[in-house]
């Protein structure tokens, strides 16, 4: 963003942020669930969400993992 690299910005929006938001917005409360799931995927277990929230479903965890993996090393 600071370098005004529009092609990279568009690629990240299309390939990461928009799919991430779609996943996050599926269920009320997933804004918390998806952050905890993402932390778990990269090796920082933040524990389960508290009720009434729910963790991501296994298929959604796989989708999130694929998004994170596609970013490459950070």
N, C-alpha and C. Protein backbone atom coordinates (compact mmCIF):
# COMPACT_ATOMS: atom_id res chain seq x y z
N UNK A 1 0.84 -1.19 0.00
CA UNK A 1 0.00 0.00 0.00
C UNK A 1 0.88 1.25 0.00
N UNK A 2 1.88 1.27 0.87
CA UNK A 2 2.75 2.44 0.96
C UNK A 2 3.48 2.69 -0.36
N UNK A 3 3.81 1.61 -1.07
CA UNK A 3 4.52 1.74 -2.34
C UNK A 3 3.57 2.01 -3.50
N UNK A 4 2.27 2.08 -3.22
CA UNK A 4 1.25 2.32 -4.24
C UNK A 4 1.29 1.24 -5.32
N UNK A 5 1.53 0.00 -4.90
CA UNK A 5 1.60 -1.15 -5.80
C UNK A 5 0.19 -1.69 -6.04
N UNK A 6 -0.52 -1.07 -6.98
CA UNK A 6 -1.91 -1.43 -7.22
C UNK A 6 -2.12 -2.87 -7.65
N UNK A 7 -1.28 -3.44 -8.51
CA UNK A 7 -1.49 -4.85 -8.87
C UNK A 7 -1.44 -5.78 -7.65
N UNK A 8 -0.49 -5.54 -6.74
CA UNK A 8 -0.40 -6.37 -5.54
C UNK A 8 -1.60 -6.14 -4.64
N UNK A 9 -2.02 -4.90 -4.50
CA UNK A 9 -3.20 -4.60 -3.68
C UNK A 9 -4.43 -5.31 -4.22
N UNK A 10 -4.63 -5.26 -5.52
CA UNK A 10 -5.80 -5.91 -6.13
C UNK A 10 -5.73 -7.43 -5.98
N UNK A 11 -4.53 -7.98 -6.14
CA UNK A 11 -4.37 -9.43 -5.99
C UNK A 11 -4.70 -9.87 -4.57
N UNK A 12 -4.21 -9.13 -3.57
CA UNK A 12 -4.49 -9.48 -2.18
C UNK A 12 -5.97 -9.32 -1.84
N UNK A 13 -6.59 -8.26 -2.35
CA UNK A 13 -8.02 -8.08 -2.12
C UNK A 13 -8.82 -9.23 -2.72
N UNK A 14 -8.51 -9.58 -3.96
CA UNK A 14 -9.27 -10.62 -4.67
C UNK A 14 -9.00 -12.01 -4.10
N UNK A 15 -7.75 -12.32 -3.83
CA UNK A 15 -7.38 -13.69 -3.47
C UNK A 15 -7.36 -13.98 -1.98
N UNK A 16 -7.31 -12.94 -1.14
CA UNK A 16 -7.31 -13.18 0.30
C UNK A 16 -8.45 -12.47 1.02
N UNK A 17 -8.46 -11.15 0.98
CA UNK A 17 -9.39 -10.41 1.83
C UNK A 17 -10.86 -10.65 1.51
N UNK A 18 -11.23 -10.67 0.24
CA UNK A 18 -12.64 -10.89 -0.09
C UNK A 18 -13.09 -12.31 0.30
N UNK A 19 -12.32 -13.36 -0.01
CA UNK A 19 -12.72 -14.70 0.47
C UNK A 19 -12.72 -14.79 1.99
N UNK A 20 -11.77 -14.13 2.64
CA UNK A 20 -11.72 -14.11 4.11
C UNK A 20 -12.99 -13.48 4.67
N UNK A 21 -13.39 -12.34 4.12
CA UNK A 21 -14.60 -11.66 4.60
C UNK A 21 -15.85 -12.50 4.35
N UNK A 22 -15.89 -13.18 3.20
CA UNK A 22 -17.04 -14.04 2.90
C UNK A 22 -17.15 -15.14 3.95
N UNK A 23 -16.04 -15.73 4.31
CA UNK A 23 -16.03 -16.77 5.33
C UNK A 23 -16.39 -16.19 6.70
N UNK A 24 -15.81 -15.07 7.04
CA UNK A 24 -16.07 -14.43 8.33
C UNK A 24 -17.53 -14.04 8.50
N UNK A 25 -18.17 -13.62 7.42
CA UNK A 25 -19.54 -13.11 7.51
C UNK A 25 -20.62 -14.19 7.41
N UNK A 26 -20.24 -15.45 7.30
CA UNK A 26 -21.23 -16.52 7.18
C UNK A 26 -22.09 -16.69 8.42
N UNK A 27 -21.49 -16.52 9.57
CA UNK A 27 -22.19 -16.78 10.83
C UNK A 27 -21.92 -15.62 11.79
N UNK A 28 -22.96 -15.11 12.46
CA UNK A 28 -22.70 -14.08 13.47
C UNK A 28 -21.71 -14.60 14.52
N UNK A 29 -20.72 -13.79 14.83
CA UNK A 29 -19.71 -14.20 15.80
C UNK A 29 -18.46 -14.79 15.18
N UNK A 30 -18.50 -15.07 13.88
CA UNK A 30 -17.33 -15.65 13.23
C UNK A 30 -16.16 -14.67 13.18
N UNK A 31 -16.39 -13.39 13.42
CA UNK A 31 -15.27 -12.45 13.44
C UNK A 31 -14.26 -12.85 14.51
N UNK A 32 -14.75 -13.35 15.64
CA UNK A 32 -13.87 -13.84 16.71
C UNK A 32 -13.36 -15.23 16.34
N UNK A 33 -14.24 -16.08 15.87
CA UNK A 33 -13.89 -17.47 15.56
C UNK A 33 -12.79 -17.56 14.51
N UNK A 34 -12.86 -16.72 13.49
CA UNK A 34 -11.90 -16.82 12.40
C UNK A 34 -10.51 -16.34 12.84
N UNK A 35 -10.45 -15.37 13.74
CA UNK A 35 -9.15 -14.92 14.25
C UNK A 35 -8.51 -16.02 15.08
N UNK A 36 -9.28 -16.65 15.95
CA UNK A 36 -8.75 -17.75 16.76
C UNK A 36 -8.34 -18.92 15.88
N UNK A 37 -9.13 -19.22 14.85
CA UNK A 37 -8.80 -20.31 13.94
C UNK A 37 -7.52 -20.00 13.17
N UNK A 38 -7.38 -18.77 12.70
CA UNK A 38 -6.17 -18.38 11.99
C UNK A 38 -4.94 -18.46 12.87
N UNK A 39 -5.07 -18.04 14.11
CA UNK A 39 -3.95 -18.15 15.05
C UNK A 39 -3.56 -19.61 15.23
N UNK A 40 -4.56 -20.47 15.37
CA UNK A 40 -4.30 -21.91 15.54
C UNK A 40 -3.58 -22.47 14.32
N UNK A 41 -4.01 -22.08 13.13
CA UNK A 41 -3.41 -22.59 11.89
C UNK A 41 -1.93 -22.24 11.80
N UNK A 42 -1.56 -21.04 12.26
CA UNK A 42 -0.15 -20.64 12.16
C UNK A 42 0.65 -20.99 13.41
N UNK A 43 0.05 -21.78 14.31
CA UNK A 43 0.80 -22.31 15.43
C UNK A 43 0.67 -21.56 16.74
N UNK A 44 -0.33 -20.71 16.87
CA UNK A 44 -0.55 -19.96 18.11
C UNK A 44 -1.96 -20.23 18.60
N UNK A 45 -2.12 -21.29 19.36
CA UNK A 45 -3.45 -21.69 19.81
C UNK A 45 -4.01 -20.66 20.79
N UNK A 46 -5.13 -20.07 20.41
CA UNK A 46 -5.80 -19.08 21.25
C UNK A 46 -6.98 -19.69 21.99
N UNK A 47 -7.12 -21.00 21.93
CA UNK A 47 -8.22 -21.67 22.61
C UNK A 47 -9.52 -21.55 21.85
N UNK A 48 -10.53 -22.25 22.34
CA UNK A 48 -11.84 -22.21 21.67
C UNK A 48 -12.57 -20.91 21.98
N UNK A 49 -13.56 -20.61 21.16
CA UNK A 49 -14.40 -19.45 21.46
C UNK A 49 -15.34 -19.81 22.59
N UNK A 50 -15.82 -18.80 23.29
CA UNK A 50 -16.78 -19.03 24.37
C UNK A 50 -18.20 -18.99 23.82
N UNK A 51 -19.08 -19.74 24.47
CA UNK A 51 -20.47 -19.73 24.06
C UNK A 51 -21.03 -18.32 24.25
N UNK A 52 -21.91 -17.91 23.41
CA UNK A 52 -22.68 -18.65 22.41
C UNK A 52 -22.00 -18.75 21.06
N UNK A 53 -20.75 -18.28 20.93
CA UNK A 53 -20.05 -18.36 19.65
C UNK A 53 -19.67 -19.80 19.35
N UNK A 54 -19.37 -20.07 18.08
CA UNK A 54 -18.97 -21.41 17.68
C UNK A 54 -17.67 -21.33 16.89
N UNK A 55 -16.88 -22.40 16.97
CA UNK A 55 -15.67 -22.50 16.16
C UNK A 55 -16.06 -22.73 14.71
N UNK A 56 -15.12 -22.45 13.81
CA UNK A 56 -15.35 -22.74 12.40
C UNK A 56 -15.55 -24.24 12.23
N UNK A 57 -16.34 -24.60 11.24
CA UNK A 57 -16.54 -26.01 10.89
C UNK A 57 -15.27 -26.52 10.20
N UNK A 58 -15.03 -27.85 10.21
CA UNK A 58 -13.81 -28.38 9.60
C UNK A 58 -13.59 -27.92 8.15
N UNK A 59 -14.63 -27.89 7.34
CA UNK A 59 -14.47 -27.45 5.95
C UNK A 59 -14.07 -25.98 5.88
N UNK A 60 -14.59 -25.17 6.80
CA UNK A 60 -14.24 -23.75 6.84
C UNK A 60 -12.80 -23.57 7.32
N UNK A 61 -12.36 -24.42 8.24
CA UNK A 61 -10.96 -24.39 8.68
C UNK A 61 -10.04 -24.67 7.49
N UNK A 62 -10.43 -25.63 6.65
CA UNK A 62 -9.63 -25.96 5.47
C UNK A 62 -9.59 -24.78 4.50
N UNK A 63 -10.72 -24.10 4.34
CA UNK A 63 -10.75 -22.92 3.47
C UNK A 63 -9.83 -21.83 4.01
N UNK A 64 -9.89 -21.59 5.30
CA UNK A 64 -9.04 -20.58 5.91
C UNK A 64 -7.58 -20.97 5.79
N UNK A 65 -7.26 -22.23 6.02
CA UNK A 65 -5.88 -22.70 5.89
C UNK A 65 -5.37 -22.49 4.47
N UNK A 66 -6.20 -22.77 3.48
CA UNK A 66 -5.81 -22.57 2.08
C UNK A 66 -5.52 -21.10 1.80
N UNK A 67 -6.34 -20.21 2.34
CA UNK A 67 -6.10 -18.77 2.16
C UNK A 67 -4.77 -18.35 2.79
N UNK A 68 -4.53 -18.83 4.00
CA UNK A 68 -3.29 -18.47 4.70
C UNK A 68 -2.08 -19.07 3.99
N UNK A 69 -2.19 -20.33 3.58
CA UNK A 69 -1.08 -20.98 2.87
C UNK A 69 -0.75 -20.25 1.57
N UNK A 70 -1.78 -19.75 0.89
CA UNK A 70 -1.55 -19.05 -0.38
C UNK A 70 -0.78 -17.75 -0.20
N UNK A 71 -0.83 -17.18 1.00
CA UNK A 71 -0.06 -15.95 1.26
C UNK A 71 1.43 -16.21 1.27
N UNK A 72 1.83 -17.42 1.64
CA UNK A 72 3.24 -17.74 1.74
C UNK A 72 3.82 -17.26 3.06
N UNK A 73 5.12 -17.45 3.25
CA UNK A 73 5.78 -17.05 4.50
C UNK A 73 5.63 -15.55 4.73
N UNK A 74 5.43 -15.21 5.99
CA UNK A 74 5.26 -13.78 6.33
C UNK A 74 6.41 -13.31 7.19
